[in-house]
């Protein structure tokens, strides 16, 4: 009995190798996102140094990376199944570094756009997620993915503050050179710190299956979430085309001071976000919190359009914007997980990720085009209209059931006994959905944390993991 307890405790704790893998891969993801986002708070102000720069082309340069990211995200993930995770991630980081060098060397806005497209072509998110799944045991995969999600959020906040400060110190060219250096650091971390997996397998919860795309597109609940992440990142890139201009030209904030105001506002927004996430998850109020956050985004856009000459007004609306943005950025993946059938989860997340980058691309172009015709206020009015359309689209959404996911490793699974294992799991009180994947030797289950028969589930797990 003591031996069994010790084994269970070992399974509950991550091994040093797993912790090392997660830390390294989270760092690579963070370094890459840091490089992508550092130009957001400064580019629309500083891009007039490039020949041929127009508002539309500046907006295109801001969002261009999203186009190639969206197009290549799923193909890169599938390529990593064929030639290995590390080679694909290395190629992606080299492409990102090459794009950064092109942009750093540019004296024309067209060359910057080419550099940003090349940056985006290093679409390694899916490959990193797959490598994370390869290097962590099934029972720790959710924690591993959450760690990567946290690293992305932190890198975004650091990028906004650091980008504004760095532009004042080393200019746009220097930011792009720094981004290239970060990519090379990422390659070093990948090969010197992150372990190599003993085998690469498809993971249904993180990797797309091409045959399932149509099923995902037909699922109205999933497509509401896909539409939501696209609109959210449209608002982000469009807003950060116009906001630096409003702060500088209309509110009179010197460019050198922008970095000083972003960091405290982002910290305040992060603190403000936490209670709402707890209410959404713990008190089962996911839909009201979600809709409330969309409404707050719209109010922030209206506030920016009306108060564009007031520094205090702009900063209050920035706090509102990022509080709502952080809530949605954290809630949407959780909603996707709850709403996606287990069989389609990896495919749904692949489409979701691509939609996020498409949104960034469209938002950049839209911001530039609208600014050239209607000025700063026009961009923010466009953003408020966009949130209204979004709100109307998501109002029919049914409140998601509060379900958690678990992955169970099974030692002896075959096509002959897979159906029997599914039946056994489905018979456990509280289990809502089950699939057994023979190739991965695992069972994926969704269950209600409030209703689950923990003893029965633990007993099944112990039996299934016996050699």
Protein backbone atom coordinates (compact mmCIF):
# COMPACT_ATOMS: atom_id res chain seq x y z
CA UNK A 1 0.00 0.00 0.00
CA UNK A 2 2.86 2.36 0.86
CA UNK A 3 4.51 1.58 -2.47
CA UNK A 4 1.29 2.39 -4.34
CA UNK A 5 0.93 5.72 -2.48
CA UNK A 6 4.52 6.65 -3.30
CA UNK A 7 3.90 5.86 -6.97
CA UNK A 8 0.74 8.01 -7.00
CA UNK A 9 2.60 10.92 -5.39
CA UNK A 10 5.36 10.59 -7.97
CA UNK A 11 2.81 10.79 -10.75
CA UNK A 12 1.27 13.91 -9.20
CA UNK A 13 4.59 15.78 -9.21
CA UNK A 14 6.45 16.92 -12.29
CA UNK A 15 9.90 15.44 -12.77
CA UNK A 16 12.92 17.79 -12.99
CA UNK A 17 13.08 16.95 -16.72
CA UNK A 18 9.46 18.00 -17.23
CA UNK A 19 10.00 21.24 -15.33
CA UNK A 20 13.09 21.95 -17.40
CA UNK A 21 11.22 21.25 -20.64
CA UNK A 22 8.31 23.51 -19.75
CA UNK A 23 10.59 26.33 -18.58
CA UNK A 24 12.64 26.17 -21.78
CA UNK A 25 9.70 26.00 -24.18
CA UNK A 26 7.81 28.73 -22.31
CA UNK A 27 10.94 30.87 -22.60
CA UNK A 28 11.21 30.28 -26.37
CA UNK A 29 7.55 31.18 -26.84
CA UNK A 30 7.95 34.29 -24.69
CA UNK A 31 11.10 35.46 -26.52
CA UNK A 32 9.36 35.12 -29.86
CA UNK A 33 6.18 36.93 -28.79
CA UNK A 34 8.30 39.64 -27.18
CA UNK A 35 9.95 40.22 -30.54
CA UNK A 36 6.63 40.35 -32.39
CA UNK A 37 4.93 42.80 -30.06
CA UNK A 38 7.68 45.26 -29.12
CA UNK A 39 6.94 47.51 -32.09
CA UNK A 40 3.21 47.77 -31.29
CA UNK A 41 3.35 50.84 -29.00
CA UNK A 42 5.81 52.81 -31.15
CA UNK A 43 5.64 51.89 -34.82
CA UNK A 44 2.81 54.18 -35.94
CA UNK A 45 4.67 57.16 -34.41
CA UNK A 46 8.14 56.34 -35.71
CA UNK A 47 7.43 54.76 -39.11
CA UNK A 48 7.51 58.07 -41.01
CA UNK A 49 11.29 57.59 -41.15
CA UNK A 50 10.75 55.02 -43.93
CA UNK A 51 10.39 56.09 -47.54
CA UNK A 52 6.95 55.46 -49.03
CA UNK A 53 5.27 55.27 -45.63
CA UNK A 54 1.51 55.89 -45.68
CA UNK A 55 -1.01 55.12 -42.91
CA UNK A 56 -2.27 52.04 -44.76
CA UNK A 57 1.24 50.68 -45.33
CA UNK A 58 2.22 51.41 -41.74
CA UNK A 59 -0.85 49.47 -40.60
CA UNK A 60 0.06 46.66 -42.97
CA UNK A 61 3.58 46.54 -41.50
CA UNK A 62 2.13 46.29 -37.98
CA UNK A 63 -0.17 43.38 -38.84
CA UNK A 64 1.69 41.67 -41.71
CA UNK A 65 3.19 38.97 -39.49
CA UNK A 66 -0.35 37.74 -38.78
CA UNK A 67 -0.98 36.75 -42.40
CA UNK A 68 1.97 34.37 -42.72
CA UNK A 69 1.45 33.10 -39.16
CA UNK A 70 -2.16 32.21 -39.97
CA UNK A 71 -1.31 30.52 -43.28
CA UNK A 72 1.64 28.48 -42.00
CA UNK A 73 0.67 27.63 -38.41
CA UNK A 74 -1.03 24.31 -39.21
CA UNK A 75 1.39 23.25 -42.02
CA UNK A 76 4.40 23.79 -39.71
CA UNK A 77 2.73 21.71 -37.01
CA UNK A 78 2.10 18.89 -39.47
CA UNK A 79 5.67 19.13 -40.79
CA UNK A 80 6.96 18.67 -37.24
CA UNK A 81 5.24 15.26 -37.19
CA UNK A 82 7.28 14.25 -40.23
CA UNK A 83 10.77 15.67 -39.64
CA UNK A 84 10.74 16.27 -35.88
CA UNK A 85 9.83 19.11 -33.55
CA UNK A 86 13.26 20.63 -32.98
CA UNK A 87 14.21 20.96 -36.68
CA UNK A 88 10.89 22.74 -37.42
CA UNK A 89 11.23 25.06 -34.41
CA UNK A 90 14.83 25.84 -35.41
CA UNK A 91 13.77 26.66 -38.99
CA UNK A 92 10.96 28.85 -37.65
CA UNK A 93 13.27 30.79 -35.34
CA UNK A 94 15.82 31.26 -38.16
CA UNK A 95 13.06 32.63 -40.40
CA UNK A 96 11.98 34.94 -37.60
CA UNK A 97 15.57 36.15 -37.14
CA UNK A 98 15.96 36.64 -40.91
CA UNK A 99 12.76 38.69 -41.03
CA UNK A 100 13.97 40.81 -38.13
CA UNK A 101 17.27 41.50 -39.90
CA UNK A 102 15.45 42.47 -43.11
CA UNK A 103 13.26 44.91 -41.15
CA UNK A 104 16.24 46.25 -39.19
CA UNK A 105 18.12 47.01 -42.41
CA UNK A 106 15.14 48.63 -44.15
CA UNK A 107 14.92 52.23 -45.31
CA UNK A 108 11.61 51.63 -47.14
CA UNK A 109 8.25 50.71 -45.66
CA UNK A 110 7.94 47.98 -48.29
CA UNK A 111 11.10 46.30 -46.99
CA UNK A 112 9.75 46.49 -43.43
CA UNK A 113 6.54 44.80 -44.61
CA UNK A 114 8.60 42.08 -46.29
CA UNK A 115 10.55 41.62 -43.06
CA UNK A 116 7.38 41.36 -41.00
CA UNK A 117 5.92 38.79 -43.41
CA UNK A 118 9.15 36.80 -43.12
CA UNK A 119 9.01 37.08 -39.32
CA UNK A 120 5.52 35.61 -39.35
CA UNK A 121 6.53 32.75 -41.64
CA UNK A 122 8.34 31.17 -38.70
CA UNK A 123 5.02 29.80 -37.44
CA UNK A 124 6.18 27.49 -34.65
CA UNK A 125 3.39 27.71 -32.08
CA UNK A 126 1.87 24.34 -33.01
CA UNK A 127 5.28 22.65 -33.08
CA UNK A 128 6.13 24.03 -29.62
CA UNK A 129 2.82 22.80 -28.23
CA UNK A 130 3.43 19.36 -29.75
CA UNK A 131 6.98 19.21 -28.33
CA UNK A 132 5.59 20.20 -24.93
CA UNK A 133 3.15 17.29 -25.16
CA UNK A 134 5.99 14.95 -26.20
CA UNK A 135 8.10 15.93 -23.18
CA UNK A 136 5.45 15.87 -20.45
CA UNK A 137 3.39 13.03 -19.12
CA UNK A 138 -0.29 13.01 -19.96
CA UNK A 139 -1.41 13.97 -16.45
CA UNK A 140 0.74 17.14 -16.53
CA UNK A 141 -0.11 18.36 -20.02
CA UNK A 142 -2.77 20.83 -18.91
CA UNK A 143 -0.36 22.45 -16.43
CA UNK A 144 2.32 22.61 -19.10
CA UNK A 145 0.03 24.37 -21.57
CA UNK A 146 -1.10 26.78 -18.84
CA UNK A 147 2.53 27.67 -18.11
CA UNK A 148 3.09 28.52 -21.77
CA UNK A 149 -0.09 30.62 -21.76
CA UNK A 150 1.16 32.58 -18.73
CA UNK A 151 4.52 33.18 -20.43
CA UNK A 152 2.75 34.60 -23.49
CA UNK A 153 0.70 36.98 -21.34
CA UNK A 154 3.76 38.17 -19.43
CA UNK A 155 5.79 38.65 -22.61
CA UNK A 156 3.01 40.76 -24.11
CA UNK A 157 2.98 43.08 -21.10
CA UNK A 158 6.77 43.37 -21.05
CA UNK A 159 6.83 43.99 -24.82
CA UNK A 160 4.54 47.02 -24.61
CA UNK A 161 6.58 48.64 -21.85
CA UNK A 162 9.98 47.64 -23.24
CA UNK A 163 9.15 48.57 -26.85
CA UNK A 164 8.31 52.15 -25.98
CA UNK A 165 11.47 52.50 -23.86
CA UNK A 166 13.76 50.81 -26.42
CA UNK A 167 12.55 52.92 -29.34
CA UNK A 168 13.61 56.05 -27.47
CA UNK A 169 17.03 54.48 -26.81
CA UNK A 170 17.96 52.48 -29.92
CA UNK A 171 15.20 53.34 -32.44
CA UNK A 172 13.02 51.04 -34.54
CA UNK A 173 16.03 49.51 -36.26
CA UNK A 174 17.52 48.65 -32.88
CA UNK A 175 14.28 46.96 -31.79
CA UNK A 176 14.39 44.75 -34.88
CA UNK A 177 18.07 43.89 -34.25
CA UNK A 178 17.18 43.04 -30.64
CA UNK A 179 14.37 40.82 -31.95
CA UNK A 180 16.82 38.94 -34.18
CA UNK A 181 19.09 38.41 -31.17
CA UNK A 182 16.16 37.09 -29.11
CA UNK A 183 15.47 34.53 -31.86
CA UNK A 184 19.04 33.27 -31.71
CA UNK A 185 18.82 33.04 -27.93
CA UNK A 186 15.67 30.96 -28.46
CA UNK A 187 17.61 28.54 -30.71
CA UNK A 188 20.31 28.22 -28.05
CA UNK A 189 17.69 27.46 -25.38
CA UNK A 190 16.06 24.88 -27.65
CA UNK A 191 19.26 22.91 -28.26
CA UNK A 192 21.16 23.45 -25.01
CA UNK A 193 18.34 23.38 -22.47
CA UNK A 194 15.24 21.63 -23.85
CA UNK A 195 15.57 17.81 -23.90
CA UNK A 196 14.98 15.87 -27.10
CA UNK A 197 11.87 13.65 -27.07
CA UNK A 198 12.32 9.92 -27.34
CA UNK A 199 9.45 9.82 -29.85
CA UNK A 200 7.06 12.19 -31.62
CA UNK A 201 3.42 11.21 -31.72
CA UNK A 202 0.24 12.99 -32.71
CA UNK A 203 -1.57 14.48 -29.72
CA UNK A 204 -5.25 14.84 -30.44
CA UNK A 205 -5.70 17.57 -27.83
CA UNK A 206 -3.03 19.90 -29.28
CA UNK A 207 -2.61 18.98 -32.95
CA UNK A 208 -5.07 19.44 -35.85
CA UNK A 209 -6.40 16.61 -37.97
CA UNK A 210 -7.17 17.86 -41.53
CA UNK A 211 -10.15 15.52 -41.92
CA UNK A 212 -11.86 17.22 -38.97
CA UNK A 213 -11.83 20.82 -40.27
CA UNK A 214 -15.35 20.63 -41.69
CA UNK A 215 -16.76 19.30 -38.40
CA UNK A 216 -15.21 22.22 -36.53
CA UNK A 217 -16.51 24.82 -39.01
CA UNK A 218 -20.02 23.39 -38.59
CA UNK A 219 -19.93 23.78 -34.81
CA UNK A 220 -21.61 27.12 -34.03
CA UNK A 221 -20.31 27.33 -30.46
CA UNK A 222 -16.70 26.78 -31.52
CA UNK A 223 -17.00 29.28 -34.37
CA UNK A 224 -18.25 31.94 -31.94
CA UNK A 225 -14.98 31.52 -30.04
CA UNK A 226 -12.95 31.57 -33.27
CA UNK A 227 -14.73 34.77 -34.32
CA UNK A 228 -14.14 36.21 -30.84
CA UNK A 229 -10.36 35.71 -30.83
CA UNK A 230 -10.15 37.15 -34.35
CA UNK A 231 -12.08 40.30 -33.34
CA UNK A 232 -10.09 40.64 -30.11
CA UNK A 233 -6.79 40.78 -31.99
CA UNK A 234 -8.26 43.02 -34.68
CA UNK A 235 -9.08 45.47 -31.89
CA UNK A 236 -5.61 45.11 -30.42
CA UNK A 237 -3.64 45.97 -33.58
CA UNK A 238 -6.09 48.64 -34.77
CA UNK A 239 -6.10 50.29 -31.34
CA UNK A 240 -2.32 50.31 -31.12
CA UNK A 241 -2.11 51.96 -34.49
CA UNK A 242 -4.13 54.90 -33.17
CA UNK A 243 -3.42 55.03 -29.43
CA UNK A 244 0.29 56.04 -29.58
CA UNK A 245 -0.69 58.84 -31.98
CA UNK A 246 -3.46 60.03 -29.64
CA UNK A 247 -1.12 59.98 -26.64
CA UNK A 248 1.58 61.94 -28.48
CA UNK A 249 -0.26 64.34 -30.77
CA UNK A 250 -3.50 64.98 -28.90
CA UNK A 251 -2.72 64.35 -25.22
CA UNK A 252 0.80 65.81 -25.46
CA UNK A 253 2.70 62.86 -23.93
CA UNK A 254 6.32 62.82 -25.11
CA UNK A 255 7.41 59.62 -26.89
CA UNK A 256 10.10 59.07 -24.26
CA UNK A 257 7.37 58.87 -21.59
CA UNK A 258 5.20 56.21 -23.25
CA UNK A 259 7.10 53.30 -21.74
CA UNK A 260 6.65 54.73 -18.24
CA UNK A 261 2.86 54.80 -18.49
CA UNK A 262 2.26 51.38 -20.10
CA UNK A 263 3.80 49.26 -17.35
CA UNK A 264 1.80 50.58 -14.35
CA UNK A 265 -1.43 50.52 -16.37
CA UNK A 266 -0.78 46.91 -17.42
CA UNK A 267 -0.01 45.89 -13.84
CA UNK A 268 -3.22 47.55 -12.63
CA UNK A 269 -5.18 45.80 -15.40
CA UNK A 270 -3.71 42.41 -14.44
CA UNK A 271 -4.72 42.92 -10.80
CA UNK A 272 -8.22 44.02 -11.87
CA UNK A 273 -8.61 40.95 -14.06
CA UNK A 274 -8.04 38.33 -11.35
CA UNK A 275 -11.38 38.64 -9.46
CA UNK A 276 -13.36 38.33 -12.69
CA UNK A 277 -11.50 35.19 -13.76
CA UNK A 278 -12.23 33.68 -10.33
CA UNK A 279 -15.91 34.62 -10.63
CA UNK A 280 -16.07 33.10 -14.12
CA UNK A 281 -14.41 29.81 -13.18
CA UNK A 282 -15.28 29.27 -9.53
CA UNK A 283 -18.83 30.65 -9.52
CA UNK A 284 -19.71 29.32 -12.97
CA UNK A 285 -20.36 32.80 -14.42
CA UNK A 286 -18.33 32.36 -17.60
CA UNK A 287 -20.89 33.79 -20.02
CA UNK A 288 -21.78 36.95 -18.01
CA UNK A 289 -18.09 37.73 -17.42
CA UNK A 290 -17.33 37.12 -21.09
CA UNK A 291 -20.12 39.40 -22.31
CA UNK A 292 -19.22 42.01 -19.70
CA UNK A 293 -15.62 42.09 -20.90
CA UNK A 294 -16.74 42.65 -24.51
CA UNK A 295 -18.94 45.55 -23.35
CA UNK A 296 -15.99 47.08 -21.44
CA UNK A 297 -13.83 46.82 -24.58
CA UNK A 298 -16.51 48.78 -26.44
CA UNK A 299 -16.70 51.42 -23.68
CA UNK A 300 -12.90 51.81 -23.80
CA UNK A 301 -13.07 52.40 -27.55
CA UNK A 302 -15.83 55.01 -27.13
CA UNK A 303 -13.86 56.65 -24.33
CA UNK A 304 -10.74 56.89 -26.49
CA UNK A 305 -12.72 58.50 -29.31
CA UNK A 306 -14.34 61.08 -27.03
CA UNK A 307 -11.40 61.77 -24.67
CA UNK A 308 -8.53 61.63 -27.16
CA UNK A 309 -7.10 64.97 -25.94
CA UNK A 310 -7.22 64.01 -22.24
CA UNK A 311 -4.21 62.08 -20.96
CA UNK A 312 -6.06 60.93 -17.83
CA UNK A 313 -9.07 59.86 -19.90
CA UNK A 314 -6.88 57.90 -22.34
CA UNK A 315 -5.09 56.12 -19.49
CA UNK A 316 -8.33 55.18 -17.69
CA UNK A 317 -9.65 53.74 -20.95
CA UNK A 318 -6.32 51.94 -21.48
CA UNK A 319 -6.75 50.33 -18.05
CA UNK A 320 -10.32 49.32 -18.95
CA UNK A 321 -9.17 47.97 -22.32
CA UNK A 322 -6.41 45.81 -20.89
CA UNK A 323 -8.51 44.55 -17.98
CA UNK A 324 -11.11 43.32 -20.48
CA UNK A 325 -8.46 42.13 -22.95
CA UNK A 326 -6.70 40.06 -20.26
CA UNK A 327 -10.00 38.53 -19.11
CA UNK A 328 -10.86 37.49 -22.67
CA UNK A 329 -7.34 36.31 -23.52
CA UNK A 330 -7.47 34.03 -20.47
CA UNK A 331 -11.12 32.96 -20.84
CA UNK A 332 -11.29 32.16 -24.54
CA UNK A 333 -8.93 29.14 -24.48
CA UNK A 334 -10.85 27.82 -21.45
CA UNK A 335 -14.14 28.25 -23.30
CA UNK A 336 -12.68 26.54 -26.37
CA UNK A 337 -11.63 23.60 -24.22
CA UNK A 338 -15.09 23.32 -22.66
CA UNK A 339 -17.00 23.69 -25.94
CA UNK A 340 -14.81 21.54 -28.23
CA UNK A 341 -15.68 17.84 -28.52
CA UNK A 342 -12.69 15.75 -27.45
CA UNK A 343 -12.32 14.25 -30.91
CA UNK A 344 -11.92 17.70 -32.51
CA UNK A 345 -10.08 19.61 -29.79
CA UNK A 346 -6.64 19.85 -31.45
CA UNK A 347 -8.20 20.82 -34.78
CA UNK A 348 -10.40 23.44 -33.12
CA UNK A 349 -7.40 24.96 -31.31
CA UNK A 350 -5.42 25.07 -34.58
CA UNK A 351 -8.21 27.00 -36.32
CA UNK A 352 -8.56 29.23 -33.25
CA UNK A 353 -4.83 30.07 -33.29
CA UNK A 354 -4.91 30.86 -37.02
CA UNK A 355 -7.94 33.14 -36.52
CA UNK A 356 -6.04 35.06 -33.86
CA UNK A 357 -3.29 35.93 -36.34
CA UNK A 358 -5.74 36.72 -39.14
CA UNK A 359 -7.34 39.20 -36.74
CA UNK A 360 -3.98 40.87 -36.09
CA UNK A 361 -3.40 41.19 -39.85
CA UNK A 362 -6.85 42.65 -40.63
CA UNK A 363 -6.68 44.97 -37.62
CA UNK A 364 -3.39 46.51 -38.70
CA UNK A 365 -4.60 47.24 -42.24
CA UNK A 366 -7.99 48.48 -41.01
CA UNK A 367 -6.38 50.80 -38.48
CA UNK A 368 -4.18 52.37 -41.15
CA UNK A 369 -6.95 52.74 -43.72
CA UNK A 370 -9.47 54.24 -41.31
CA UNK A 371 -6.91 56.59 -39.78
CA UNK A 372 -6.01 57.94 -43.23
CA UNK A 373 -9.67 58.80 -43.88
CA UNK A 374 -11.13 59.64 -40.46
CA UNK A 375 -8.22 60.20 -38.07
CA UNK A 376 -7.64 58.77 -34.61
CA UNK A 377 -11.27 59.05 -33.47
CA UNK A 378 -12.39 57.17 -36.59
CA UNK A 379 -10.26 54.16 -35.62
CA UNK A 380 -11.78 54.06 -32.15
CA UNK A 381 -15.34 54.48 -33.46
CA UNK A 382 -14.63 51.57 -35.82
CA UNK A 383 -13.49 49.58 -32.78
CA UNK A 384 -16.69 50.35 -30.88
CA UNK A 385 -18.82 49.25 -33.87
CA UNK A 386 -16.76 46.07 -34.08
CA UNK A 387 -17.46 45.26 -30.43
CA UNK A 388 -21.20 45.81 -31.01
CA UNK A 389 -21.17 43.31 -33.91
CA UNK A 390 -19.19 40.91 -31.71
CA UNK A 391 -21.67 41.29 -28.87
CA UNK A 392 -24.63 40.51 -31.12
CA UNK A 393 -22.81 37.44 -32.45
CA UNK A 394 -22.09 35.93 -29.02
CA UNK A 395 -25.34 36.76 -27.18
CA UNK A 396 -27.07 33.53 -28.37
CA UNK A 397 -24.23 31.46 -26.92
CA UNK A 398 -25.36 28.89 -24.37
CA UNK A 399 -23.58 29.05 -21.00
CA UNK A 400 -20.87 26.39 -21.21
CA UNK A 401 -21.07 23.40 -18.92
CA UNK A 402 -18.38 23.45 -16.26
CA UNK A 403 -16.24 20.52 -17.38
CA UNK A 404 -12.62 19.64 -16.79
CA UNK A 405 -10.38 17.47 -18.95
CA UNK A 406 -8.05 14.66 -18.03
CA UNK A 407 -5.70 12.41 -19.96
CA UNK A 408 -5.22 8.85 -18.72
CA UNK A 409 -2.32 6.72 -19.87
CA UNK A 410 -3.36 3.12 -20.54
CA UNK A 411 -0.75 0.37 -20.66
CA UNK A 412 -2.74 -2.29 -22.48
CA UNK A 413 -5.01 -0.72 -25.08
CA UNK A 414 -5.80 -2.13 -28.49
CA UNK A 415 -8.52 -1.85 -31.09
CA UNK A 416 -10.10 -4.90 -29.51
CA UNK A 417 -10.62 -3.40 -26.05
CA UNK A 418 -10.88 0.35 -26.86
CA UNK A 419 -14.69 0.34 -26.99
CA UNK A 420 -14.88 -1.53 -23.70
CA UNK A 421 -12.59 1.02 -22.03
CA UNK A 422 -14.74 3.88 -23.35
CA UNK A 423 -17.82 2.19 -21.90
CA UNK A 424 -16.14 1.67 -18.51
CA UNK A 425 -15.16 5.33 -18.29
CA UNK A 426 -18.54 6.60 -19.47
CA UNK A 427 -20.20 4.52 -16.76
CA UNK A 428 -18.33 6.44 -14.04
CA UNK A 429 -20.58 9.08 -12.50
CA UNK A 430 -19.65 12.56 -13.67
CA UNK A 431 -17.83 11.56 -16.89
CA UNK A 432 -19.41 13.44 -19.80
CA UNK A 433 -17.33 12.33 -22.79
CA UNK A 434 -14.55 9.86 -23.54
CA UNK A 435 -12.34 8.90 -26.45
CA UNK A 436 -9.58 6.30 -26.43
CA UNK A 437 -6.73 6.76 -28.91
CA UNK A 438 -4.95 3.47 -29.46
CA UNK A 439 -1.94 5.05 -31.22
CA UNK A 440 -1.24 7.32 -28.25
CA UNK A 441 -2.11 4.71 -25.61
CA UNK A 442 -4.30 7.23 -23.81
CA UNK A 443 -7.90 8.01 -22.96
CA UNK A 444 -9.16 11.60 -23.09
CA UNK A 445 -12.10 12.34 -20.81
CA UNK A 446 -14.26 15.33 -19.95
CA UNK A 447 -15.93 15.29 -16.56
CA UNK A 448 -17.87 17.46 -14.16
CA UNK A 449 -15.63 18.30 -11.16
CA UNK A 450 -18.76 18.68 -9.00
CA UNK A 451 -20.23 15.27 -9.85
CA UNK A 452 -17.25 13.02 -10.59
CA UNK A 453 -16.89 9.79 -8.61
CA UNK A 454 -13.23 10.36 -7.74
CA UNK A 455 -12.71 6.95 -6.17
CA UNK A 456 -14.03 5.11 -9.23
CA UNK A 457 -11.95 7.21 -11.59
CA UNK A 458 -8.77 6.75 -9.53
CA UNK A 459 -9.41 3.02 -9.36
CA UNK A 460 -9.74 2.87 -13.16
CA UNK A 461 -6.50 4.85 -13.58
CA UNK A 462 -4.58 2.54 -11.27
CA UNK A 463 -5.86 -0.52 -13.09
CA UNK A 464 -5.22 0.97 -16.54
CA UNK A 465 -1.60 1.89 -15.71
CA UNK A 466 -0.64 -1.59 -14.52
CA UNK A 467 1.84 -3.15 -16.98
